[in-house]
């Protein structure tokens, strides 16, 4: 196996190895924060099991913190490794001092992640503990022991990749160990991922909230009240006489939807836009990527700069989208290059429902006098080493009356191909859409 695209991909592959657990109605999937939670989300979806976060803290020997002499978890759980304490000569008072310090950090993290929800009961259940990989194994060992202390009848440790020696050392802590890749020799978890950006607290919280909404919708479905299924499909639809192709992803419990508007020389298959779309999906946002032009139309360069035609196609695609997922979800546009201008022109229409726009390296100047009519909150992201587009965006902002912000990614050029540049774009776009695509509240007359 060559590895994984990202944590979501790793989670889906890992879930395929855990399918026998679907027959176990007592499964709870527990992600280790922070990187293990996106992996665990995919496992929970595949198994139809509840997802929770297992916050644990290792109690390290005072003069050798990496060596665990115990662990603590929620509910006052304390696990003591008496063998290590005897071998290192650590006293009970020294243990208590470290425990007090780690308990404060554990409680801070619990408050941050849990939204005042209690930990899902593990008593008599199968706890599937998931992380994005295991290197030293100290956190995984602590998690297994805490889960056992919380009443789990069976503990399964499941990870996409683990160091062989570490995995062997964990055999006494879990009833079952599952790892897709077992690596020998020099080892780093990140080397097995194409994308291994640090998972943020906000991403952890978003995963847990999506899972909570999924569980609620599942309960409604069992009560015959209905629940829309997750979609991740290639789609084809007509805008006037033209047939267009796209890809629609609707996570369970989506809180908003973002339509991508590609620019010059791009398509629904653009790696850059697909990366951004995937990052938005992890935040619980649906996405539609589609080709504004047919293959024949792309051959005529003038079509790429025909902003009016592109905006018309976008408006038509948005109308089709509403037939698929309804009009309840707040709507955003993510535009790149000339697509950003089309997004702003479409958002400026009097009947537009768009509430947020993000323009990446956008030729927003091509929206012309429609800029002043845009009501959607607009974020412009421009590379610091893209002086022409930076100047055009700065000038366009002066014509806009809506909420508008310019973010500069230092060292990036027009396509944001520099190391780390697209990561910044994803972070900025995610925060903007998460802040502005709040669920719509409808008030009856």
Protein backbone atom coordinates (compact mmCIF):
# COMPACT_ATOMS: atom_id res chain seq x y z
CA UNK A 1 0.00 0.00 0.00
CA UNK A 2 1.34 3.41 -0.99
CA UNK A 3 -0.43 5.43 1.71
CA UNK A 4 -3.27 7.91 1.90
CA UNK A 5 -4.37 11.14 0.27
CA UNK A 6 -5.47 12.66 3.58
CA UNK A 7 -7.09 11.69 6.87
CA UNK A 8 -10.55 11.29 5.33
CA UNK A 9 -9.18 8.91 2.72
CA UNK A 10 -7.35 7.00 5.46
CA UNK A 11 -10.59 6.76 7.45
CA UNK A 12 -12.52 5.33 4.52
CA UNK A 13 -9.83 2.74 3.83
CA UNK A 14 -9.61 1.84 7.50
CA UNK A 15 -13.38 1.44 7.73
CA UNK A 16 -13.25 -1.21 5.00
CA UNK A 17 -11.15 -3.34 7.37
CA UNK A 18 -13.66 -2.99 10.20
CA UNK A 19 -16.85 -4.05 8.42
CA UNK A 20 -17.37 -7.06 10.72
CA UNK A 21 -18.07 -4.58 13.52
CA UNK A 22 -21.28 -3.51 11.78
CA UNK A 23 -22.92 -6.56 13.34
CA UNK A 24 -21.96 -5.31 16.79
CA UNK A 25 -24.71 -2.95 17.91
CA UNK A 26 -22.65 -1.81 20.88
CA UNK A 27 -19.83 -0.10 18.97
CA UNK A 28 -18.69 3.42 19.86
CA UNK A 29 -16.00 5.02 17.68
CA UNK A 30 -13.61 7.23 19.63
CA UNK A 31 -11.27 9.63 17.84
CA UNK A 32 -8.09 10.81 19.53
CA UNK A 33 -7.76 14.57 19.19
CA UNK A 34 -6.83 16.16 17.13
CA UNK A 35 -5.67 14.23 14.04
CA UNK A 36 -7.54 11.04 14.82
CA UNK A 37 -10.99 12.62 14.75
CA UNK A 38 -11.31 13.13 10.93
CA UNK A 39 -10.21 9.51 10.48
CA UNK A 40 -12.67 8.32 13.12
CA UNK A 41 -15.52 10.27 11.50
CA UNK A 42 -15.26 8.20 8.31
CA UNK A 43 -15.08 4.98 10.33
CA UNK A 44 -18.19 5.94 12.32
CA UNK A 45 -20.12 6.78 9.14
CA UNK A 46 -19.20 3.44 7.54
CA UNK A 47 -20.10 1.43 10.65
CA UNK A 48 -23.25 3.41 11.40
CA UNK A 49 -21.87 3.94 14.90
CA UNK A 50 -21.82 6.98 17.17
CA UNK A 51 -18.66 9.11 17.15
CA UNK A 52 -17.13 10.70 20.19
CA UNK A 53 -13.78 12.11 21.17
CA UNK A 54 -11.68 10.41 23.82
CA UNK A 55 -9.66 13.04 25.63
CA UNK A 56 -6.81 11.48 27.58
CA UNK A 57 -3.60 12.78 29.07
CA UNK A 58 -0.51 10.75 29.68
CA UNK A 59 1.06 11.08 33.14
CA UNK A 60 4.76 11.21 32.38
CA UNK A 61 7.64 10.53 34.74
CA UNK A 62 8.79 13.98 35.99
CA UNK A 63 12.35 13.70 34.70
CA UNK A 64 11.39 11.63 31.62
CA UNK A 65 8.01 12.97 30.38
CA UNK A 66 7.80 10.63 27.38
CA UNK A 67 7.77 7.61 29.72
CA UNK A 68 4.20 7.14 30.95
CA UNK A 69 3.60 6.12 34.55
CA UNK A 70 -0.15 6.41 34.12
CA UNK A 71 -2.97 8.19 32.31
CA UNK A 72 -6.10 10.15 33.12
CA UNK A 73 -9.43 10.54 31.38
CA UNK A 74 -12.81 12.15 31.83
CA UNK A 75 -14.94 11.41 34.86
CA UNK A 76 -11.97 11.39 37.19
CA UNK A 77 -10.50 8.23 35.68
CA UNK A 78 -6.89 7.58 36.77
CA UNK A 79 -4.82 4.66 35.51
CA UNK A 80 -1.55 3.96 37.33
CA UNK A 81 1.32 1.86 35.97
CA UNK A 82 2.74 0.62 39.26
CA UNK A 83 5.58 -1.20 37.50
CA UNK A 84 6.92 2.05 35.99
CA UNK A 85 6.47 3.90 39.27
CA UNK A 86 8.49 1.29 41.15
CA UNK A 87 11.18 1.16 38.47
CA UNK A 88 11.62 4.93 38.38
CA UNK A 89 11.20 5.57 42.10
CA UNK A 90 8.44 8.14 41.62
CA UNK A 91 6.50 8.86 44.80
CA UNK A 92 2.73 9.17 45.15
CA UNK A 93 3.09 12.91 45.79
CA UNK A 94 5.13 13.36 42.61
CA UNK A 95 2.48 11.43 40.65
CA UNK A 96 -0.24 13.62 42.15
CA UNK A 97 1.58 16.81 41.16
CA UNK A 98 1.85 15.72 37.52
CA UNK A 99 -1.75 14.50 37.56
CA UNK A 100 -3.02 17.85 38.81
CA UNK A 101 -1.25 19.71 36.03
CA UNK A 102 -2.44 17.32 33.32
CA UNK A 103 -5.99 17.27 34.72
CA UNK A 104 -6.28 21.03 34.17
CA UNK A 105 -5.23 20.62 30.52
CA UNK A 106 -7.59 17.68 30.04
CA UNK A 107 -10.54 19.66 31.36
CA UNK A 108 -9.67 22.57 29.11
CA UNK A 109 -9.70 20.30 26.07
CA UNK A 110 -12.92 18.58 27.09
CA UNK A 111 -14.65 21.94 27.44
CA UNK A 112 -13.33 23.00 24.04
CA UNK A 113 -14.35 19.86 22.14
CA UNK A 114 -17.47 18.55 23.79
CA UNK A 115 -20.05 21.39 23.56
CA UNK A 116 -21.34 20.48 27.05
CA UNK A 117 -22.21 16.95 25.85
CA UNK A 118 -21.37 14.10 28.22
CA UNK A 119 -19.00 11.38 27.08
CA UNK A 120 -20.89 8.59 25.36
CA UNK A 121 -21.23 5.69 27.78
CA UNK A 122 -18.73 2.92 27.11
CA UNK A 123 -20.05 0.55 29.75
CA UNK A 124 -20.37 -2.96 28.28
CA UNK A 125 -19.68 -1.67 24.74
CA UNK A 126 -16.97 -2.10 22.11
CA UNK A 127 -14.72 0.96 22.05
CA UNK A 128 -13.04 1.45 18.66
CA UNK A 129 -10.18 3.86 19.33
CA UNK A 130 -8.95 5.61 16.18
CA UNK A 131 -5.91 7.79 15.53
CA UNK A 132 -4.23 8.94 12.31
CA UNK A 133 -1.20 6.78 13.10
CA UNK A 134 0.86 5.34 15.92
CA UNK A 135 4.54 6.16 16.33
CA UNK A 136 5.63 5.88 19.99
CA UNK A 137 2.28 4.48 21.14
CA UNK A 138 2.12 6.37 24.43
CA UNK A 139 -1.14 8.19 23.67
CA UNK A 140 -2.74 5.08 22.17
CA UNK A 141 -1.80 3.03 25.23
CA UNK A 142 -3.26 5.68 27.54
CA UNK A 143 -6.47 5.76 25.50
CA UNK A 144 -6.90 1.98 25.62
CA UNK A 145 -6.42 1.91 29.37
CA UNK A 146 -8.80 4.82 29.97
CA UNK A 147 -11.48 3.24 27.76
CA UNK A 148 -11.17 0.04 29.75
CA UNK A 149 -11.45 1.95 33.01
CA UNK A 150 -14.61 3.65 31.67
CA UNK A 151 -16.27 0.25 31.37
CA UNK A 152 -15.60 -0.81 27.78
CA UNK A 153 -16.10 -4.56 27.43
CA UNK A 154 -13.85 -4.73 24.39
CA UNK A 155 -11.20 -2.34 23.10
CA UNK A 156 -10.17 -2.20 19.43
CA UNK A 157 -7.28 0.09 18.44
CA UNK A 158 -7.58 0.94 14.73
CA UNK A 159 -5.12 3.14 12.83
CA UNK A 160 -4.15 3.62 9.19
CA UNK A 161 -0.42 3.20 9.90
CA UNK A 162 1.74 2.13 12.82
CA UNK A 163 5.34 1.33 13.63
CA UNK A 164 5.81 -2.45 13.82
CA UNK A 165 7.69 -2.47 17.12
CA UNK A 166 5.18 -0.13 18.75
CA UNK A 167 2.24 -2.19 17.54
CA UNK A 168 3.70 -5.30 19.14
CA UNK A 169 4.11 -3.44 22.43
CA UNK A 170 0.41 -2.52 22.46
CA UNK A 171 -0.90 -6.08 22.25
CA UNK A 172 -1.56 -6.23 25.96
CA UNK A 173 -3.55 -2.99 25.97
CA UNK A 174 -6.16 -3.73 23.28
CA UNK A 175 -8.25 -6.80 22.52
CA UNK A 176 -7.69 -6.24 18.81
CA UNK A 177 -5.18 -4.18 16.83
CA UNK A 178 -5.92 -3.08 13.26
CA UNK A 179 -3.39 -1.22 11.12
CA UNK A 180 -3.47 -1.01 7.32
CA UNK A 181 0.25 -0.30 7.11
CA UNK A 182 2.81 -1.72 9.52
CA UNK A 183 6.13 0.04 8.97
CA UNK A 184 9.60 -1.13 9.90
CA UNK A 185 12.66 0.98 10.59
CA UNK A 186 12.69 4.78 10.62
CA UNK A 187 9.09 5.94 10.94
CA UNK A 188 6.98 9.08 10.73
CA UNK A 189 3.18 9.02 10.50
CA UNK A 190 3.11 11.99 8.11
CA UNK A 191 5.28 10.27 5.50
CA UNK A 192 2.35 7.99 4.61
CA UNK A 193 0.02 10.90 3.74
CA UNK A 194 0.03 13.16 0.70
CA UNK A 195 -1.59 15.84 2.84
CA UNK A 196 -0.90 15.86 6.55
CA UNK A 197 -1.75 19.37 7.67
CA UNK A 198 -2.22 19.90 11.38
CA UNK A 199 -5.83 19.32 12.40
CA UNK A 200 -7.28 22.35 14.17
CA UNK A 201 -9.61 22.46 17.15
CA UNK A 202 -12.30 23.89 14.86
CA UNK A 203 -12.02 20.90 12.52
CA UNK A 204 -12.39 18.50 15.44
CA UNK A 205 -15.49 20.35 16.65
CA UNK A 206 -16.94 20.39 13.11
CA UNK A 207 -16.51 16.61 12.78
CA UNK A 208 -18.20 15.98 16.12
CA UNK A 209 -21.09 18.28 15.28
CA UNK A 210 -21.56 16.63 11.89
CA UNK A 211 -21.60 13.24 13.58
CA UNK A 212 -24.15 14.46 16.12
CA UNK A 213 -26.40 15.71 13.30
CA UNK A 214 -25.95 12.39 11.48
CA UNK A 215 -27.01 10.46 14.59
CA UNK A 216 -30.07 12.68 14.96
CA UNK A 217 -31.07 12.21 11.35
CA UNK A 218 -30.56 8.47 11.68
CA UNK A 219 -32.95 8.44 14.63
CA UNK A 220 -35.49 10.41 12.61
CA UNK A 221 -35.15 7.95 9.72
CA UNK A 222 -35.77 4.99 12.05
CA UNK A 223 -38.89 6.80 13.22
CA UNK A 224 -39.96 7.09 9.54
CA UNK A 225 -39.53 10.86 9.66
CA UNK A 226 -37.03 10.81 6.80
CA UNK A 227 -33.39 11.85 6.43
CA UNK A 228 -31.50 12.84 3.28
CA UNK A 229 -28.65 10.49 2.41
CA UNK A 230 -25.07 11.61 1.94
CA UNK A 231 -24.19 12.20 -1.70
CA UNK A 232 -20.83 12.03 -3.42
CA UNK A 233 -21.72 11.76 -7.09
CA UNK A 234 -20.69 12.73 -10.58
CA UNK A 235 -23.63 14.66 -12.02
CA UNK A 236 -24.86 15.87 -15.40
CA UNK A 237 -27.39 18.67 -15.87
CA UNK A 238 -28.64 21.07 -18.52
CA UNK A 239 -28.40 24.85 -18.49
CA UNK A 240 -30.45 25.97 -21.46
CA UNK A 241 -29.30 23.97 -24.50
CA UNK A 242 -25.92 23.10 -22.94
CA UNK A 243 -25.21 19.92 -20.97
CA UNK A 244 -22.66 20.40 -18.17
CA UNK A 245 -20.79 17.92 -15.97
CA UNK A 246 -19.98 18.26 -12.29
CA UNK A 247 -19.40 16.57 -8.96
CA UNK A 248 -21.74 17.05 -6.01
CA UNK A 249 -20.76 16.19 -2.43
CA UNK A 250 -23.32 16.55 0.36
CA UNK A 251 -22.06 15.49 3.81
CA UNK A 252 -24.55 14.21 6.34
CA UNK A 253 -26.08 17.16 8.17
CA UNK A 254 -24.58 19.74 5.80
CA UNK A 255 -24.91 23.28 7.17
CA UNK A 256 -24.37 25.10 3.87
CA UNK A 257 -23.40 24.62 0.23
CA UNK A 258 -20.57 26.14 -1.82
CA UNK A 259 -20.59 26.21 -5.62
CA UNK A 260 -17.17 26.38 -7.29
CA UNK A 261 -16.71 28.68 -10.26
CA UNK A 262 -13.55 27.75 -12.14
CA UNK A 263 -11.42 30.18 -14.05
CA UNK A 264 -9.13 30.11 -17.02
CA UNK A 265 -7.93 26.64 -18.08
CA UNK A 266 -9.58 24.92 -15.12
CA UNK A 267 -12.33 22.35 -14.67
CA UNK A 268 -14.22 20.33 -12.06
CA UNK A 269 -11.12 18.10 -11.90
CA UNK A 270 -8.77 20.92 -10.84
CA UNK A 271 -6.55 19.51 -8.03
CA UNK A 272 -6.44 22.92 -6.33
CA UNK A 273 -10.19 23.38 -6.22
CA UNK A 274 -10.80 19.74 -5.28
CA UNK A 275 -8.49 20.19 -2.30
CA UNK A 276 -10.43 23.24 -1.18
CA UNK A 277 -13.74 21.42 -1.70
CA UNK A 278 -12.57 18.45 0.39
CA UNK A 279 -11.50 20.78 3.18
CA UNK A 280 -14.95 22.41 3.15
CA UNK A 281 -16.62 18.97 3.24
CA UNK A 282 -14.76 18.20 6.48
CA UNK A 283 -16.36 21.34 7.93
CA UNK A 284 -19.83 20.04 7.09
CA UNK A 285 -20.34 22.06 3.89
CA UNK A 286 -21.74 20.61 0.68
CA UNK A 287 -19.88 21.42 -2.56
CA UNK A 288 -20.65 21.47 -6.27
CA UNK A 289 -17.76 21.56 -8.72
CA UNK A 290 -18.80 21.80 -12.37
CA UNK A 291 -17.47 22.77 -15.80
CA UNK A 292 -18.83 26.11 -16.93
CA UNK A 293 -17.76 25.40 -20.52
CA UNK A 294 -18.04 22.35 -22.76
CA UNK A 295 -14.89 20.90 -24.32
CA UNK A 296 -15.70 22.59 -27.64
CA UNK A 297 -16.32 25.95 -25.95
CA UNK A 298 -12.99 25.79 -24.11
CA UNK A 299 -11.19 25.78 -27.47
CA UNK A 300 -12.27 29.40 -27.98
CA UNK A 301 -10.23 31.48 -25.56
CA UNK A 302 -12.73 34.31 -25.73
CA UNK A 303 -15.29 32.17 -23.87
CA UNK A 304 -13.03 32.07 -20.82
CA UNK A 305 -13.36 35.86 -20.52
CA UNK A 306 -17.06 36.02 -21.39
CA UNK A 307 -18.05 36.79 -17.80
CA UNK A 308 -21.70 37.37 -18.68
CA UNK A 309 -22.05 33.90 -20.18
CA UNK A 310 -20.17 32.30 -17.28
CA UNK A 311 -22.44 34.04 -14.77
CA UNK A 312 -25.52 32.84 -16.64
CA UNK A 313 -24.22 29.27 -16.51
CA UNK A 314 -23.57 29.67 -12.78
CA UNK A 315 -27.08 30.94 -12.12
CA UNK A 316 -28.48 27.97 -14.06
CA UNK A 317 -26.29 25.51 -12.14
CA UNK A 318 -27.45 27.04 -8.86
CA UNK A 319 -31.09 26.61 -9.87
CA UNK A 320 -30.42 22.94 -10.73
CA UNK A 321 -28.67 22.47 -7.39
CA UNK A 322 -31.79 23.62 -5.55
CA UNK A 323 -33.76 20.86 -7.26
CA UNK A 324 -31.32 18.35 -5.77
CA UNK A 325 -30.87 19.55 -2.19
CA UNK A 326 -33.60 22.17 -1.74
CA UNK A 327 -33.17 25.84 -0.95
CA UNK A 328 -32.87 25.50 2.84
CA UNK A 329 -29.06 25.56 2.95
CA UNK A 330 -27.29 28.93 2.86
CA UNK A 331 -25.35 29.39 -0.38
CA UNK A 332 -21.80 30.47 -1.13
CA UNK A 333 -19.63 30.78 -4.24
CA UNK A 334 -15.91 30.02 -4.49
CA UNK A 335 -14.46 31.62 -7.61
CA UNK A 336 -10.99 31.52 -9.13
CA UNK A 337 -9.51 33.79 -11.82
CA UNK A 338 -12.29 34.80 -14.29
CA UNK A 339 -14.67 32.53 -12.37
CA UNK A 340 -14.46 34.95 -9.45
CA UNK A 341 -15.86 37.71 -11.65
CA UNK A 342 -18.70 35.43 -12.77
CA UNK A 343 -19.43 34.59 -9.13
CA UNK A 344 -19.71 38.26 -8.21
CA UNK A 345 -21.90 39.07 -11.21
CA UNK A 346 -24.24 36.20 -10.29
CA UNK A 347 -24.25 37.27 -6.64
CA UNK A 348 -25.18 40.81 -7.69
CA UNK A 349 -28.47 39.69 -9.23
CA UNK A 350 -31.47 41.08 -7.30
CA UNK A 351 -32.91 37.61 -6.66
CA UNK A 352 -29.59 36.04 -5.64
CA UNK A 353 -29.58 33.99 -2.43
CA UNK A 354 -25.79 33.97 -2.17
CA UNK A 355 -24.61 35.07 1.26
CA UNK A 356 -20.83 34.57 0.94
CA UNK A 357 -18.22 34.68 -1.83
CA UNK A 358 -14.54 33.74 -1.75
CA UNK A 359 -12.33 34.80 -4.67
CA UNK A 360 -8.94 33.08 -5.06
CA UNK A 361 -6.58 34.98 -7.34
CA UNK A 362 -9.73 36.45 -8.81
CA UNK A 363 -10.07 38.78 -11.78
CA UNK A 364 -12.79 40.52 -9.83
CA UNK A 365 -12.25 43.67 -11.89
CA UNK A 366 -14.05 41.93 -14.78
CA UNK A 367 -17.30 42.17 -12.81
CA UNK A 368 -17.24 45.88 -13.67
CA UNK A 369 -20.13 48.00 -12.44
CA UNK A 370 -21.85 44.96 -10.88
CA UNK A 371 -19.41 45.09 -7.98
CA UNK A 372 -21.41 47.80 -6.26
CA UNK A 373 -24.55 45.62 -6.32
CA UNK A 374 -22.99 42.63 -4.52
CA UNK A 375 -24.59 42.04 -1.12
CA UNK A 376 -22.82 38.80 -0.21
CA UNK A 377 -19.92 38.96 2.24
CA UNK A 378 -16.83 38.74 0.03
CA UNK A 379 -13.32 37.52 0.82
CA UNK A 380 -10.55 38.12 -1.72
CA UNK A 381 -7.45 35.92 -1.39
CA UNK A 382 -4.45 37.04 -3.43
CA UNK A 383 -0.83 35.93 -3.57
CA UNK A 384 1.69 38.46 -2.33
CA UNK A 385 3.80 37.80 -5.43
CA UNK A 386 0.89 38.39 -7.82
CA UNK A 387 1.15 42.21 -8.04
CA UNK A 388 -1.24 42.77 -10.98
CA UNK A 389 -4.13 40.80 -9.47
CA UNK A 390 -3.39 42.28 -6.05
CA UNK A 391 -3.76 45.79 -7.47
CA UNK A 392 -6.96 44.86 -9.31
CA UNK A 393 -8.51 43.37 -6.16
CA UNK A 394 -7.54 46.37 -4.07
CA UNK A 395 -9.17 48.71 -6.57
CA UNK A 396 -12.31 46.56 -6.84
CA UNK A 397 -12.81 46.70 -3.07
CA UNK A 398 -13.26 50.45 -3.29
CA UNK A 399 -16.36 49.93 -5.43
CA UNK A 400 -18.02 47.42 -3.10
CA UNK A 401 -20.44 48.30 -0.31
CA UNK A 402 -20.90 44.80 1.18
CA UNK A 403 -18.74 43.25 3.89
CA UNK A 404 -15.45 42.78 2.09
CA UNK A 405 -11.93 41.70 3.10
CA UNK A 406 -8.62 41.23 1.30
CA UNK A 407 -6.23 38.52 2.56
CA UNK A 408 -2.71 38.31 1.15
CA UNK A 409 -0.82 35.01 1.13
CA UNK A 410 2.78 36.13 1.34
CA UNK A 411 5.19 34.49 -1.10
CA UNK A 412 2.40 33.03 -3.26
CA UNK A 413 2.02 33.62 -6.99
CA UNK A 414 -1.18 33.51 -9.06
CA UNK A 415 -1.77 29.73 -8.88
CA UNK A 416 -0.72 29.34 -5.22
CA UNK A 417 1.65 26.51 -6.15
CA UNK A 418 4.22 27.37 -3.49
CA UNK A 419 4.58 25.03 -0.47
CA UNK A 420 1.90 25.74 2.10
CA UNK A 421 0.11 28.36 -0.02
CA UNK A 422 -2.99 26.28 -0.74
CA UNK A 423 -3.16 25.29 2.91
CA UNK A 424 -3.57 28.96 3.76
CA UNK A 425 -6.25 29.33 1.08
CA UNK A 426 -8.17 26.36 2.52
CA UNK A 427 -7.93 27.74 6.04
CA UNK A 428 -9.08 31.23 5.03
CA UNK A 429 -11.93 29.94 2.87
CA UNK A 430 -13.07 27.49 5.53
CA UNK A 431 -13.22 30.14 8.22
CA UNK A 432 -15.05 32.59 5.94
CA UNK A 433 -17.72 30.13 4.83
CA UNK A 434 -18.13 28.63 8.30
CA UNK A 435 -18.69 32.10 9.73
CA UNK A 436 -21.15 33.27 7.07
CA UNK A 437 -23.05 30.14 6.01
CA UNK A 438 -25.06 29.83 9.20
CA UNK A 439 -28.20 27.72 8.86
CA UNK A 440 -31.21 29.68 7.63
CA UNK A 441 -33.96 30.38 10.11
CA UNK A 442 -37.42 30.51 8.60
CA UNK A 443 -40.17 32.36 10.47
CA UNK A 444 -43.78 31.49 9.78
CA UNK A 445 -46.14 34.36 9.15
